[in-house]
Protein backbone atom coordinates (compact mmCIF):
# COMPACT_ATOMS: atom_id res chain seq x y z
CA MET A 1 -21.21 -40.48 20.47
CA LEU A 2 -18.86 -40.08 23.49
CA ASP A 3 -16.58 -41.41 25.65
CA LEU A 4 -16.20 -41.29 28.98
CA ASP A 5 -13.04 -41.57 30.59
CA GLY A 6 -10.01 -39.64 28.80
CA THR A 7 -13.00 -37.79 26.84
CA LEU A 8 -15.94 -36.27 28.48
CA THR A 9 -13.27 -36.17 31.63
CA LYS A 10 -9.99 -37.54 32.56
CA GLY A 11 -10.99 -40.10 34.07
CA GLY A 12 -11.53 -42.13 37.42
CA GLU A 13 -14.31 -40.13 39.49
CA GLU A 14 -13.40 -36.63 38.47
CA ARG A 15 -17.77 -35.17 37.12
CA VAL A 16 -18.02 -33.66 33.86
CA ALA A 17 -18.11 -29.88 33.88
CA PRO A 18 -20.98 -27.91 34.41
CA GLU A 19 -19.82 -25.75 31.01
CA LEU A 20 -19.47 -28.90 29.07
CA ARG A 21 -22.76 -30.95 30.08
CA SER A 22 -24.39 -27.21 29.32
CA MET A 23 -22.89 -27.47 25.95
CA LEU A 24 -24.50 -31.10 25.62
CA GLU A 25 -28.09 -30.20 26.79
CA GLN A 26 -28.13 -27.60 24.31
CA PHE A 27 -26.91 -29.96 21.55
CA LYS A 28 -29.80 -32.31 22.76
CA ARG A 29 -32.34 -29.57 22.66
CA ASP A 30 -31.19 -28.89 19.17
CA GLY A 31 -32.34 -32.25 17.93
CA TRP A 32 -28.90 -34.06 18.24
CA LEU A 33 -29.68 -38.01 19.53
CA LEU A 34 -26.75 -38.28 22.39
CA ILE A 35 -24.75 -41.67 22.95
CA LEU A 36 -22.76 -42.52 25.65
CA ALA A 37 -20.28 -45.61 25.06
CA THR A 38 -18.16 -46.51 27.62
CA GLY A 39 -16.12 -49.11 29.19
CA ARG A 40 -17.86 -48.75 32.44
CA ASP A 41 -21.05 -51.08 33.38
CA LYS A 42 -24.57 -50.22 33.94
CA LYS A 43 -24.54 -49.81 37.27
CA TYR A 44 -21.36 -48.05 37.83
CA LEU A 45 -23.24 -44.83 34.92
CA GLU A 46 -26.27 -45.29 37.20
CA SER A 47 -24.36 -43.49 40.00
CA ARG A 48 -23.28 -40.42 38.50
CA ASP A 49 -25.58 -37.58 39.08
CA ASP A 50 -23.49 -35.59 36.28
CA LEU A 51 -25.05 -38.00 33.75
CA ARG A 52 -28.19 -38.41 34.62
CA ASN A 53 -30.90 -37.44 32.24
CA LEU A 54 -28.08 -36.48 29.37
CA PHE A 55 -27.76 -39.39 26.78
CA ASP A 56 -30.92 -40.69 24.95
CA GLY A 57 -28.60 -44.13 25.07
CA TRP A 58 -25.83 -45.95 26.55
CA VAL A 59 -23.14 -48.76 25.44
CA CYS A 60 -22.00 -50.01 28.23
CA GLU A 61 -18.98 -52.79 29.11
CA ALA A 62 -17.53 -51.87 25.18
CA GLY A 63 -20.48 -53.19 23.54
CA ILE A 64 -21.56 -56.13 25.99
CA SER A 65 -24.80 -54.12 26.86
CA ILE A 66 -26.77 -51.16 25.82
CA TYR A 67 -29.75 -49.10 27.64
CA ILE A 68 -31.80 -46.44 26.90
CA PRO A 69 -33.20 -44.68 29.81
CA SER A 70 -36.24 -43.62 28.30
CA THR A 71 -37.62 -46.57 27.86
CA ASN A 72 -35.24 -48.91 30.59
CA ASP A 73 -34.54 -51.22 27.77
CA TYR A 74 -31.43 -52.67 28.94
CA ARG A 75 -30.12 -55.65 26.49
CA ILE A 76 -26.78 -57.89 27.22
CA LEU A 77 -25.45 -58.28 23.73
CA VAL A 78 -23.18 -61.93 24.68
CA ASP A 79 -24.98 -65.21 25.29
CA GLU A 80 -24.59 -67.37 28.29
CA ARG A 81 -21.02 -69.23 27.67
CA TRP A 82 -19.78 -66.01 28.04
CA LEU A 83 -21.63 -65.14 30.98
CA GLN A 84 -20.76 -68.53 33.02
CA PHE A 85 -16.89 -67.76 30.95
CA ILE A 86 -17.06 -64.32 33.31
CA SER A 87 -18.38 -66.19 36.59
CA GLU A 88 -16.13 -68.54 36.76
CA VAL A 89 -13.21 -66.03 36.08
CA LYS A 90 -14.39 -63.93 38.91
CA ARG A 91 -14.56 -67.28 41.23
CA LYS A 92 -11.27 -68.30 40.30
CA VAL A 93 -8.48 -65.54 39.00
CA LYS A 94 -7.77 -62.97 41.65
CA CYS A 95 -5.77 -60.16 39.14
CA VAL A 96 -8.89 -58.81 37.88
CA VAL A 97 -11.73 -56.04 38.54
CA PHE A 98 -14.98 -56.92 38.67
CA LYS A 99 -18.24 -55.64 36.21
CA GLU A 100 -21.15 -56.40 35.28
CA ASN A 101 -20.69 -58.37 32.13
CA THR A 102 -16.72 -58.54 31.99
CA VAL A 103 -13.57 -58.00 34.02
CA ASN A 104 -10.97 -55.39 33.68
CA LEU A 105 -7.33 -56.98 34.22
CA LEU A 106 -5.24 -55.82 36.65
CA SER A 107 -1.97 -57.64 35.67
CA LYS A 108 -1.34 -59.96 32.51
CA GLU A 109 0.09 -62.91 34.63
CA CYS A 110 -3.63 -64.01 35.18
CA ILE A 111 -4.35 -64.77 31.13
CA GLY A 112 -3.10 -68.32 31.61
CA GLU A 113 -5.38 -69.36 34.22
CA ILE A 114 -8.33 -67.53 32.05
CA ASN A 115 -7.28 -69.13 28.97
CA GLU A 116 -7.69 -72.49 30.87
CA ILE A 117 -11.86 -71.89 31.52
CA ALA A 118 -12.03 -69.88 28.30
CA SER A 119 -10.79 -73.30 26.58
CA ARG A 120 -12.54 -75.55 28.49
CA ILE A 121 -16.12 -73.41 28.33
CA GLY A 122 -15.24 -72.91 24.50
CA VAL A 123 -15.21 -68.99 24.42
CA HIS A 124 -13.37 -66.59 22.47
CA TYR A 125 -11.66 -63.34 24.07
CA LYS A 126 -9.66 -60.37 23.25
CA VAL A 127 -7.83 -58.35 25.68
CA LEU A 128 -7.96 -54.05 24.55
CA ASN A 129 -6.16 -51.82 26.15
CA ASN A 130 -7.73 -48.80 27.56
CA LYS A 131 -5.05 -46.14 28.79
CA GLY A 132 -3.71 -48.77 30.70
CA SER A 133 -7.11 -50.40 31.78
CA LEU A 134 -6.93 -54.09 30.67
CA LEU A 135 -10.72 -55.22 29.33
CA LEU A 136 -11.99 -58.67 28.53
CA LEU A 137 -14.29 -58.67 25.83
CA PRO A 138 -15.59 -61.39 23.31
CA THR A 139 -13.95 -61.59 19.98
CA ASN A 140 -16.57 -60.64 18.20
CA THR A 141 -17.81 -57.77 20.49
CA ASP A 142 -16.77 -53.86 20.27
CA LYS A 143 -18.20 -50.32 20.81
CA TYR A 144 -19.34 -50.30 17.39
CA THR A 145 -21.43 -54.02 17.43
CA GLY A 146 -22.77 -52.28 20.71
CA LEU A 147 -23.89 -48.80 19.15
CA ASN A 148 -25.49 -50.29 16.04
CA GLU A 149 -27.27 -52.57 18.10
CA LEU A 150 -28.69 -49.23 20.10
CA LEU A 151 -29.01 -47.26 17.35
CA ARG A 152 -30.57 -50.08 15.30
CA LEU A 153 -33.71 -50.30 18.38
CA MET A 154 -33.60 -46.39 17.76
CA ASP A 155 -34.84 -46.76 14.64
CA PHE A 156 -31.66 -43.74 13.58
CA HIS A 157 -30.05 -43.46 10.50
CA GLY A 158 -28.58 -40.18 10.59
CA TYR A 159 -24.99 -38.15 10.74
CA LEU A 160 -22.67 -40.17 12.64
CA VAL A 161 -20.19 -37.81 15.06
CA VAL A 162 -18.04 -40.09 17.32
CA ILE A 163 -15.30 -38.09 19.75
CA GLY A 164 -12.70 -40.93 21.74
CA ASP A 165 -9.32 -40.87 23.17
CA SER A 166 -8.05 -44.57 23.09
CA GLU A 167 -7.75 -48.03 20.93
CA ILE A 168 -11.01 -49.43 22.36
CA ASP A 169 -12.58 -46.56 20.38
CA ILE A 170 -10.88 -47.15 17.22
CA GLU A 171 -13.49 -49.30 15.50
CA ILE A 172 -16.43 -47.09 15.92
CA LEU A 173 -14.04 -44.07 14.70
CA LYS A 174 -13.32 -45.39 11.41
CA ASN A 175 -17.46 -46.02 10.85
CA ALA A 176 -17.94 -42.64 11.42
CA ASP A 177 -19.12 -39.78 9.23
CA PHE A 178 -17.05 -37.08 11.32
CA LYS A 179 -14.62 -38.37 13.81
CA ALA A 180 -12.62 -36.17 16.52
CA ALA A 181 -10.37 -36.49 19.95
CA PRO A 182 -9.38 -34.50 22.59
CA SER A 183 -5.41 -33.71 22.36
CA ASN A 184 -5.05 -36.51 25.30
CA ALA A 185 -5.32 -39.22 22.21
CA ASP A 186 -3.34 -42.21 21.52
CA GLN A 187 -1.14 -41.74 18.72
CA ALA A 188 -3.08 -44.76 16.91
CA VAL A 189 -6.19 -42.35 17.20
CA LYS A 190 -4.74 -39.31 16.64
CA GLU A 191 -3.75 -40.48 13.46
CA ILE A 192 -7.55 -40.76 11.85
CA VAL A 193 -9.69 -38.39 13.03
CA ASP A 194 -10.80 -35.41 10.83
CA TYR A 195 -10.31 -32.76 14.11
CA LEU A 196 -7.58 -33.33 16.85
CA SER A 197 -8.52 -30.47 19.94
CA SER A 198 -5.82 -28.14 21.44
CA GLY A 199 -7.41 -28.88 24.64
CA GLU A 200 -7.43 -32.13 26.84
CA ASP A 201 -10.51 -34.10 27.65
CA GLY A 202 -13.57 -32.18 28.87
CA GLU A 203 -12.01 -28.71 27.46
CA GLY A 204 -10.89 -30.72 23.99
CA VAL A 205 -14.35 -31.81 24.07
CA ILE A 206 -15.91 -28.62 24.38
CA GLU A 207 -13.47 -27.19 21.41
CA ILE A 208 -14.74 -30.01 19.04
CA LEU A 209 -18.04 -29.08 20.12
CA ARG A 210 -18.30 -25.57 18.90
CA ASN A 211 -16.32 -26.29 16.11
CA LEU A 212 -19.18 -28.77 15.23
CA ARG A 213 -22.03 -25.62 16.08
CA HIS A 214 -19.93 -23.80 13.73
CA LYS A 215 -19.14 -26.18 10.90
CA PHE A 216 -22.55 -27.90 10.53
CA LYS A 217 -24.76 -25.53 12.68
CA PHE A 218 -27.19 -28.68 12.92
CA ILE A 219 -27.33 -31.99 11.22
CA GLY A 220 -30.65 -33.66 11.72
CA LYS A 221 -31.46 -37.00 12.95
């Protein structure tokens, strides 16, 4: 499982480097299942040519939704109250950036407004800091819960390798069989990984993949 921003790329609109994509494609040919787990939503990910036909499954919006490209199976893992809550937040709160099923906060100044809406609807939420990007999530949702549901649907029971860089990746990293991070990772991530690369972002992931190939050679599904 790989994170996108700050891991495969520096973030923003930077694309996955051709060398890194080629390495991932080789891992896929060797039998690895490739999962992308990110705070980005499905609509955005579908717009990225560099991600097309690369991953077997997506965990979107940090666990709010999952998608299997081969079957076009898209599932939203939150209930109607959450969707009602987010719809109202989008209508009434100004300092947010819209995603499909959640929002990013531009600042914490709007927490009071969000608290009022959450209390009225009966929703419990948390705010996760994804390297300065504040993502609003249900309290019982994260990348790990999304990944578990995705792997259940894909009937996967193999060895789990996770590569991530930030607070939002910690729960999923803790539950991996092998966890790694690029050198630009948050300190909290660096303290729990099995392997920390010398390179940043995509260059770091290339180093990690080379280490995996050398150390494990091939781990079947």
